[in-house]
């Protein structure tokens, strides 16, 4: 999910949020699966839901658009490597 929790409380379950990195799977059209590792995120300690900032979400959206052109069934990429490129 996207957003920036203002009070560090999960909007889904009310749990405590902490900064970290997450592995986030995306299922796109035509059964294409893309897994993005090491995504900077706020993570709920209770329900494990992840939240990214709008800037991170924009970068992931761009990455997903590029990877769709490969027509690969499954792709696994690391976020920091993409962001540095």
PDB file of N, CA and C in Angstrom:
ATOM      1  N   UNK A   1       0.836  -1.171   0.000  1.00  0.00           N
ATOM      2  CA  UNK A   1       0.000   0.000   0.000  1.00  0.00           C
ATOM      3  C   UNK A   1       0.883   1.236   0.000  1.00  0.00           C
ATOM      4  N   UNK A   2       0.321   2.322  -0.417  1.00  0.00           N
ATOM      5  CA  UNK A   2       1.090   3.558  -0.408  1.00  0.00           C
ATOM      6  C   UNK A   2       0.587   4.471   0.688  1.00  0.00           C
ATOM      7  N   UNK A   3       1.383   5.412   1.024  1.00  0.00           N
ATOM      8  CA  UNK A   3       1.006   6.388   2.035  1.00  0.00           C
ATOM      9  C   UNK A   3       2.129   6.575   3.028  1.00  0.00           C
ATOM     10  N   UNK A   4       2.003   7.606   3.795  1.00  0.00           N
ATOM     11  CA  UNK A   4       3.006   7.895   4.803  1.00  0.00           C
ATOM     12  C   UNK A   4       2.298   8.035   6.141  1.00  0.00           C
ATOM     13  N   UNK A   5       2.318   6.975   6.946  1.00  0.00           N
ATOM     14  CA  UNK A   5       1.633   7.044   8.232  1.00  0.00           C
ATOM     15  C   UNK A   5       2.170   8.197   9.072  1.00  0.00           C
ATOM     16  N   UNK A   6       1.263   9.069   9.515  1.00  0.00           N
ATOM     17  CA  UNK A   6       1.677  10.244  10.261  1.00  0.00           C
ATOM     18  C   UNK A   6       2.058   9.892  11.695  1.00  0.00           C
ATOM     19  N   UNK A   7       1.349   8.961  12.311  1.00  0.00           N
ATOM     20  CA  UNK A   7       1.598   8.664  13.717  1.00  0.00           C
ATOM     21  C   UNK A   7       2.259   7.310  13.916  1.00  0.00           C
ATOM     22  N   UNK A   8       2.794   6.732  12.895  1.00  0.00           N
ATOM     23  CA  UNK A   8       3.480   5.444  12.960  1.00  0.00           C
ATOM     24  C   UNK A   8       2.575   4.331  13.484  1.00  0.00           C
ATOM     25  N   UNK A   9       1.279   4.450  13.209  1.00  0.00           N
ATOM     26  CA  UNK A   9       0.320   3.419  13.559  1.00  0.00           C
ATOM     27  C   UNK A   9      -0.289   2.891  12.268  1.00  0.00           C
ATOM     28  N   UNK A  10      -0.364   1.582  12.140  1.00  0.00           N
ATOM     29  CA  UNK A  10      -0.899   0.964  10.934  1.00  0.00           C
ATOM     30  C   UNK A  10      -2.370   1.342  10.751  1.00  0.00           C
ATOM     31  N   UNK A  11      -2.719   1.868   9.584  1.00  0.00           N
ATOM     32  CA  UNK A  11      -4.114   2.236   9.340  1.00  0.00           C
ATOM     33  C   UNK A  11      -5.025   1.016   9.158  1.00  0.00           C
ATOM     34  N   UNK A  12      -4.454  -0.156   9.002  1.00  0.00           N
ATOM     35  CA  UNK A  12      -5.264  -1.358   8.809  1.00  0.00           C
ATOM     36  C   UNK A  12      -5.611  -2.010  10.150  1.00  0.00           C
ATOM     37  N   UNK A  13      -4.592  -2.230  10.989  1.00  0.00           N
ATOM     38  CA  UNK A  13      -4.844  -2.968  12.238  1.00  0.00           C
ATOM     39  C   UNK A  13      -4.520  -2.175  13.498  1.00  0.00           C
ATOM     40  N   UNK A  14      -3.881  -1.014  13.347  1.00  0.00           N
ATOM     41  CA  UNK A  14      -3.527  -0.208  14.511  1.00  0.00           C
ATOM     42  C   UNK A  14      -2.189  -0.580  15.138  1.00  0.00           C
ATOM     43  N   UNK A  15      -1.472  -1.521  14.516  1.00  0.00           N
ATOM     44  CA  UNK A  15      -0.174  -1.948  15.033  1.00  0.00           C
ATOM     45  C   UNK A  15       0.888  -0.882  14.877  1.00  0.00           C
ATOM     46  N   UNK A  16       2.011  -1.124  15.471  1.00  0.00           N
ATOM     47  CA  UNK A  16       3.145  -0.196  15.434  1.00  0.00           C
ATOM     48  C   UNK A  16       3.930  -0.351  14.130  1.00  0.00           C
ATOM     49  N   UNK A  17       4.277   0.765  13.520  1.00  0.00           N
ATOM     50  CA  UNK A  17       5.020   0.768  12.251  1.00  0.00           C
ATOM     51  C   UNK A  17       6.504   1.006  12.513  1.00  0.00           C
ATOM     52  N   UNK A  18       7.355   0.319  11.738  1.00  0.00           N
ATOM     53  CA  UNK A  18       8.794   0.545  11.827  1.00  0.00           C
ATOM     54  C   UNK A  18       9.367   0.641  10.412  1.00  0.00           C
ATOM     55  N   UNK A  19      10.432   1.407  10.276  1.00  0.00           N
ATOM     56  CA  UNK A  19      11.098   1.542   8.981  1.00  0.00           C
ATOM     57  C   UNK A  19      11.898   0.273   8.704  1.00  0.00           C
ATOM     58  N   UNK A  20      11.917  -0.131   7.444  1.00  0.00           N
ATOM     59  CA  UNK A  20      12.681  -1.309   7.058  1.00  0.00           C
ATOM     60  C   UNK A  20      12.648  -1.495   5.556  1.00  0.00           C
ATOM     61  N   UNK A  21      12.934  -2.696   5.124  1.00  0.00           N
ATOM     62  CA  UNK A  21      12.841  -3.022   3.707  1.00  0.00           C
ATOM     63  C   UNK A  21      11.917  -4.221   3.556  1.00  0.00           C
ATOM     64  N   UNK A  22      11.245  -4.274   2.427  1.00  0.00           N
ATOM     65  CA  UNK A  22      10.266  -5.328   2.185  1.00  0.00           C
ATOM     66  C   UNK A  22      10.485  -5.960   0.825  1.00  0.00           C
ATOM     67  N   UNK A  23       9.993  -7.176   0.687  1.00  0.00           N
ATOM     68  CA  UNK A  23       9.926  -7.855  -0.602  1.00  0.00           C
ATOM     69  C   UNK A  23       8.461  -7.834  -1.004  1.00  0.00           C
ATOM     70  N   UNK A  24       8.170  -7.207  -2.153  1.00  0.00           N
ATOM     71  CA  UNK A  24       6.785  -7.001  -2.551  1.00  0.00           C
ATOM     72  C   UNK A  24       6.517  -7.683  -3.893  1.00  0.00           C
ATOM     73  N   UNK A  25       5.554  -8.619  -3.936  1.00  0.00           N
ATOM     74  CA  UNK A  25       5.190  -9.269  -5.202  1.00  0.00           C
ATOM     75  C   UNK A  25       4.100  -8.467  -5.913  1.00  0.00           C
ATOM     76  N   UNK A  26       4.173  -8.444  -7.222  1.00  0.00           N
ATOM     77  CA  UNK A  26       3.153  -7.810  -8.059  1.00  0.00           C
ATOM     78  C   UNK A  26       2.704  -8.823  -9.092  1.00  0.00           C
ATOM     79  N   UNK A  27       1.405  -8.995  -9.241  1.00  0.00           N
ATOM     80  CA  UNK A  27       0.858  -9.869 -10.269  1.00  0.00           C
ATOM     81  C   UNK A  27       0.231  -8.953 -11.312  1.00  0.00           C
ATOM     82  N   UNK A  28       0.778  -9.005 -12.523  1.00  0.00           N
ATOM     83  CA  UNK A  28       0.316  -8.142 -13.596  1.00  0.00           C
ATOM     84  C   UNK A  28      -0.512  -8.942 -14.592  1.00  0.00           C
ATOM     85  N   UNK A  29      -0.997  -8.274 -15.594  1.00  0.00           N
ATOM     86  CA  UNK A  29      -1.818  -8.934 -16.609  1.00  0.00           C
ATOM     87  C   UNK A  29      -1.114 -10.144 -17.218  1.00  0.00           C
ATOM     88  N   UNK A  30      -1.889 -11.053 -17.693  1.00  0.00           N
ATOM     89  CA  UNK A  30      -1.390 -12.257 -18.360  1.00  0.00           C
ATOM     90  C   UNK A  30      -0.495 -13.095 -17.461  1.00  0.00           C
ATOM     91  N   UNK A  31      -0.827 -13.137 -16.175  1.00  0.00           N
ATOM     92  CA  UNK A  31      -0.114 -13.985 -15.221  1.00  0.00           C
ATOM     93  C   UNK A  31       1.379 -13.687 -15.114  1.00  0.00           C
ATOM     94  N   UNK A  32       1.755 -12.440 -15.257  1.00  0.00           N
ATOM     95  CA  UNK A  32       3.145 -12.033 -15.086  1.00  0.00           C
ATOM     96  C   UNK A  32       3.357 -11.683 -13.614  1.00  0.00           C
ATOM     97  N   UNK A  33       4.393 -12.256 -13.008  1.00  0.00           N
ATOM     98  CA  UNK A  33       4.700 -12.004 -11.606  1.00  0.00           C
ATOM     99  C   UNK A  33       6.057 -11.307 -11.519  1.00  0.00           C
ATOM    100  N   UNK A  34       6.081 -10.192 -10.800  1.00  0.00           N
ATOM    101  CA  UNK A  34       7.325  -9.459 -10.585  1.00  0.00           C
ATOM    102  C   UNK A  34       7.507  -9.297  -9.081  1.00  0.00           C
ATOM    103  N   UNK A  35       8.657  -9.718  -8.583  1.00  0.00           N
ATOM    104  CA  UNK A  35       8.972  -9.598  -7.171  1.00  0.00           C
ATOM    105  C   UNK A  35      10.071  -8.546  -7.036  1.00  0.00           C
ATOM    106  N   UNK A  36       9.800  -7.515  -6.242  1.00  0.00           N
ATOM    107  CA  UNK A  36      10.779  -6.449  -6.019  1.00  0.00           C
ATOM    108  C   UNK A  36      11.278  -6.579  -4.579  1.00  0.00           C
ATOM    109  N   UNK A  37      12.575  -6.841  -4.441  1.00  0.00           N
ATOM    110  CA  UNK A  37      13.194  -7.033  -3.129  1.00  0.00           C
ATOM    111  C   UNK A  37      13.811  -5.727  -2.632  1.00  0.00           C
ATOM    112  N   UNK A  38      13.999  -5.646  -1.328  1.00  0.00           N
ATOM    113  CA  UNK A  38      14.706  -4.535  -0.680  1.00  0.00           C
ATOM    114  C   UNK A  38      14.054  -3.172  -0.908  1.00  0.00           C
ATOM    115  N   UNK A  39      12.725  -3.130  -0.889  1.00  0.00           N
ATOM    116  CA  UNK A  39      11.995  -1.882  -1.073  1.00  0.00           C
ATOM    117  C   UNK A  39      11.931  -1.143   0.265  1.00  0.00           C
ATOM    118  N   UNK A  40      12.393   0.118   0.319  1.00  0.00           N
ATOM    119  CA  UNK A  40      12.271   0.895   1.555  1.00  0.00           C
ATOM    120  C   UNK A  40      10.790   1.081   1.880  1.00  0.00           C
ATOM    121  N   UNK A  41      10.402   0.740   3.114  1.00  0.00           N
ATOM    122  CA  UNK A  41       8.987   0.796   3.478  1.00  0.00           C
ATOM    123  C   UNK A  41       8.820   0.931   4.980  1.00  0.00           C
ATOM    124  N   UNK A  42       7.625   1.327   5.364  1.00  0.00           N
ATOM    125  CA  UNK A  42       7.193   1.254   6.762  1.00  0.00           C
ATOM    126  C   UNK A  42       6.425  -0.061   6.860  1.00  0.00           C
ATOM    127  N   UNK A  43       6.740  -0.873   7.870  1.00  0.00           N
ATOM    128  CA  UNK A  43       6.156  -2.201   7.989  1.00  0.00           C
ATOM    129  C   UNK A  43       5.456  -2.321   9.335  1.00  0.00           C
ATOM    130  N   UNK A  44       4.225  -2.821   9.300  1.00  0.00           N
ATOM    131  CA  UNK A  44       3.466  -3.019  10.533  1.00  0.00           C
ATOM    132  C   UNK A  44       4.016  -4.238  11.268  1.00  0.00           C
ATOM    133  N   UNK A  45       4.283  -4.079  12.547  1.00  0.00           N
ATOM    134  CA  UNK A  45       4.791  -5.174  13.355  1.00  0.00           C
ATOM    135  C   UNK A  45       3.750  -6.245  13.643  1.00  0.00           C
ATOM    136  N   UNK A  46       2.469  -5.918  13.489  1.00  0.00           N
ATOM    137  CA  UNK A  46       1.405  -6.881  13.777  1.00  0.00           C
ATOM    138  C   UNK A  46       0.924  -7.614  12.526  1.00  0.00           C
ATOM    139  N   UNK A  47       0.431  -6.880  11.533  1.00  0.00           N
ATOM    140  CA  UNK A  47      -0.149  -7.530  10.347  1.00  0.00           C
ATOM    141  C   UNK A  47       0.842  -7.655   9.187  1.00  0.00           C
ATOM    142  N   UNK A  48       2.029  -7.051   9.326  1.00  0.00           N
ATOM    143  CA  UNK A  48       3.116  -7.109   8.327  1.00  0.00           C
ATOM    144  C   UNK A  48       2.772  -6.382   7.013  1.00  0.00           C
ATOM    145  N   UNK A  49       1.719  -5.586   6.991  1.00  0.00           N
ATOM    146  CA  UNK A  49       1.398  -4.782   5.808  1.00  0.00           C
ATOM    147  C   UNK A  49       2.509  -3.771   5.595  1.00  0.00           C
ATOM    148  N   UNK A  50       2.850  -3.528   4.321  1.00  0.00           N
ATOM    149  CA  UNK A  50       3.914  -2.571   4.006  1.00  0.00           C
ATOM    150  C   UNK A  50       3.332  -1.316   3.374  1.00  0.00           C
ATOM    151  N   UNK A  51       3.961  -0.199   3.666  1.00  0.00           N
ATOM    152  CA  UNK A  51       3.551   1.085   3.121  1.00  0.00           C
ATOM    153  C   UNK A  51       4.791   1.775   2.551  1.00  0.00           C
ATOM    154  N   UNK A  52       4.675   2.279   1.321  1.00  0.00           N
ATOM    155  CA  UNK A  52       5.787   2.984   0.686  1.00  0.00           C
ATOM    156  C   UNK A  52       5.400   4.440   0.458  1.00  0.00           C
ATOM    157  N   UNK A  53       6.409   5.291   0.366  1.00  0.00           N
ATOM    158  CA  UNK A  53       6.158   6.699   0.069  1.00  0.00           C
ATOM    159  C   UNK A  53       5.748   6.831  -1.392  1.00  0.00           C
ATOM    160  N   UNK A  54       5.197   7.962  -1.738  1.00  0.00           N
ATOM    161  CA  UNK A  54       4.784   8.177  -3.122  1.00  0.00           C
ATOM    162  C   UNK A  54       5.989   8.177  -4.064  1.00  0.00           C
ATOM    163  N   UNK A  55       7.135   8.660  -3.606  1.00  0.00           N
ATOM    164  CA  UNK A  55       8.339   8.660  -4.456  1.00  0.00           C
ATOM    165  C   UNK A  55       8.792   7.235  -4.756  1.00  0.00           C
ATOM    166  N   UNK A  56       8.777   6.364  -3.755  1.00  0.00           N
ATOM    167  CA  UNK A  56       9.152   4.962  -3.958  1.00  0.00           C
ATOM    168  C   UNK A  56       8.146   4.288  -4.874  1.00  0.00           C
ATOM    169  N   UNK A  57       6.865   4.557  -4.654  1.00  0.00           N
ATOM    170  CA  UNK A  57       5.816   3.975  -5.492  1.00  0.00           C
ATOM    171  C   UNK A  57       5.988   4.394  -6.948  1.00  0.00           C
ATOM    172  N   UNK A  58       6.337   5.648  -7.189  1.00  0.00           N
ATOM    173  CA  UNK A  58       6.576   6.119  -8.558  1.00  0.00           C
ATOM    174  C   UNK A  58       7.732   5.357  -9.205  1.00  0.00           C
ATOM    175  N   UNK A  59       8.802   5.122  -8.434  1.00  0.00           N
ATOM    176  CA  UNK A  59       9.948   4.387  -8.973  1.00  0.00           C
ATOM    177  C   UNK A  59       9.566   2.933  -9.284  1.00  0.00           C
ATOM    178  N   UNK A  60       8.782   2.324  -8.416  1.00  0.00           N
ATOM    179  CA  UNK A  60       8.352   0.944  -8.652  1.00  0.00           C
ATOM    180  C   UNK A  60       7.437   0.872  -9.874  1.00  0.00           C
ATOM    181  N   UNK A  61       6.549   1.837 -10.027  1.00  0.00           N
ATOM    182  CA  UNK A  61       5.657   1.870 -11.195  1.00  0.00           C
ATOM    183  C   UNK A  61       6.469   1.943 -12.480  1.00  0.00           C
ATOM    184  N   UNK A  62       7.496   2.760 -12.490  1.00  0.00           N
ATOM    185  CA  UNK A  62       8.371   2.873 -13.650  1.00  0.00           C
ATOM    186  C   UNK A  62       9.087   1.546 -13.919  1.00  0.00           C
ATOM    187  N   UNK A  63       9.577   0.926 -12.860  1.00  0.00           N
ATOM    188  CA  UNK A  63      10.251  -0.363 -12.982  1.00  0.00           C
ATOM    189  C   UNK A  63       9.303  -1.424 -13.544  1.00  0.00           C
ATOM    190  N   UNK A  64       8.086  -1.490 -13.043  1.00  0.00           N
ATOM    191  CA  UNK A  64       7.118  -2.474 -13.518  1.00  0.00           C
ATOM    192  C   UNK A  64       6.801  -2.260 -15.002  1.00  0.00           C
ATOM    193  N   UNK A  65       6.689  -1.015 -15.407  1.00  0.00           N
ATOM    194  CA  UNK A  65       6.428  -0.714 -16.828  1.00  0.00           C
ATOM    195  C   UNK A  65       7.562  -1.226 -17.709  1.00  0.00           C
ATOM    196  N   UNK A  66       8.797  -1.043 -17.259  1.00  0.00           N
ATOM    197  CA  UNK A  66       9.949  -1.516 -18.036  1.00  0.00           C
ATOM    198  C   UNK A  66       9.986  -3.041 -18.102  1.00  0.00           C
ATOM    199  N   UNK A  67       9.719  -3.686 -16.970  1.00  0.00           N
ATOM    200  CA  UNK A  67       9.786  -5.140 -16.925  1.00  0.00           C
ATOM    201  C   UNK A  67       8.659  -5.804 -17.716  1.00  0.00           C
ATOM    202  N   UNK A  68       7.523  -5.129 -17.866  1.00  0.00           N
ATOM    203  CA  UNK A  68       6.423  -5.681 -18.663  1.00  0.00           C
ATOM    204  C   UNK A  68       6.842  -5.891 -20.105  1.00  0.00           C
ATOM    205  N   UNK A  69       7.763  -5.072 -20.594  1.00  0.00           N
ATOM    206  CA  UNK A  69       8.193  -5.184 -21.993  1.00  0.00           C
ATOM    207  C   UNK A  69       9.031  -6.439 -22.239  1.00  0.00           C
ATOM    208  N   UNK A  70       9.531  -7.062 -21.173  1.00  0.00           N
ATOM    209  CA  UNK A  70      10.342  -8.274 -21.325  1.00  0.00           C
ATOM    210  C   UNK A  70       9.497  -9.511 -21.615  1.00  0.00           C
ATOM    211  N   UNK A  71       8.198  -9.435 -21.299  1.00  0.00           N
ATOM    212  CA  UNK A  71       7.280 -10.556 -21.506  1.00  0.00           C
ATOM    213  C   UNK A  71       7.760 -11.815 -20.797  1.00  0.00           C
ATOM    214  N   UNK A  72       8.348 -11.642 -19.639  1.00  0.00           N
ATOM    215  CA  UNK A  72       8.822 -12.758 -18.825  1.00  0.00           C
ATOM    216  C   UNK A  72       7.702 -13.170 -17.872  1.00  0.00           C
ATOM    217  N   UNK A  73       7.584 -14.466 -17.613  1.00  0.00           N
ATOM    218  CA  UNK A  73       6.552 -14.936 -16.690  1.00  0.00           C
ATOM    219  C   UNK A  73       6.839 -14.506 -15.261  1.00  0.00           C
ATOM    220  N   UNK A  74       8.098 -14.624 -14.840  1.00  0.00           N
ATOM    221  CA  UNK A  74       8.493 -14.264 -13.481  1.00  0.00           C
ATOM    222  C   UNK A  74       9.795 -13.468 -13.538  1.00  0.00           C
ATOM    223  N   UNK A  75       9.811 -12.344 -12.829  1.00  0.00           N
ATOM    224  CA  UNK A  75      11.028 -11.534 -12.703  1.00  0.00           C
ATOM    225  C   UNK A  75      11.239 -11.232 -11.234  1.00  0.00           C
ATOM    226  N   UNK A  76      12.491 -11.301 -10.795  1.00  0.00           N
ATOM    227  CA  UNK A  76      12.853 -10.942  -9.428  1.00  0.00           C
ATOM    228  C   UNK A  76      13.961  -9.902  -9.536  1.00  0.00           C
ATOM    229  N   UNK A  77      13.701  -8.712  -8.969  1.00  0.00           N
ATOM    230  CA  UNK A  77      14.677  -7.627  -9.050  1.00  0.00           C
ATOM    231  C   UNK A  77      14.885  -7.027  -7.664  1.00  0.00           C
ATOM    232  N   UNK A  78      16.014  -6.362  -7.495  1.00  0.00           N
ATOM    233  CA  UNK A  78      16.323  -5.689  -6.245  1.00  0.00           C
ATOM    234  C   UNK A  78      16.129  -4.190  -6.433  1.00  0.00           C
ATOM    235  N   UNK A  79      15.350  -3.574  -5.571  1.00  0.00           N
ATOM    236  CA  UNK A  79      15.039  -2.156  -5.703  1.00  0.00           C
ATOM    237  C   UNK A  79      16.264  -1.252  -5.712  1.00  0.00           C
ATOM    238  N   UNK A  80      17.202  -1.392  -4.778  1.00  0.00           N
ATOM    239  CA  UNK A  80      18.350  -0.468  -4.800  1.00  0.00           C
ATOM    240  C   UNK A  80      19.146  -0.521  -6.093  1.00  0.00           C
ATOM    241  N   UNK A  81      19.271  -1.725  -6.673  1.00  0.00           N
ATOM    242  CA  UNK A  81      20.004  -1.829  -7.932  1.00  0.00           C
ATOM    243  C   UNK A  81      19.283  -1.078  -9.041  1.00  0.00           C
ATOM    244  N   UNK A  82      17.970  -1.153  -9.069  1.00  0.00           N
ATOM    245  CA  UNK A  82      17.199  -0.433 -10.075  1.00  0.00           C
ATOM    246  C   UNK A  82      17.325   1.064  -9.846  1.00  0.00           C
ATOM    247  N   UNK A  83      17.154   1.509  -8.601  1.00  0.00           N
ATOM    248  CA  UNK A  83      17.156   2.931  -8.292  1.00  0.00           C
ATOM    249  C   UNK A  83      18.496   3.589  -8.611  1.00  0.00           C
ATOM    250  N   UNK A  84      19.580   2.824  -8.503  1.00  0.00           N
ATOM    251  CA  UNK A  84      20.914   3.366  -8.791  1.00  0.00           C
ATOM    252  C   UNK A  84      21.175   3.466 -10.288  1.00  0.00           C
ATOM    253  N   UNK A  85      20.440   2.712 -11.088  1.00  0.00           N
ATOM    254  CA  UNK A  85      20.684   2.676 -12.543  1.00  0.00           C
ATOM    255  C   UNK A  85      20.177   3.898 -13.242  1.00  0.00           C
TER     256      UNK A  85
END
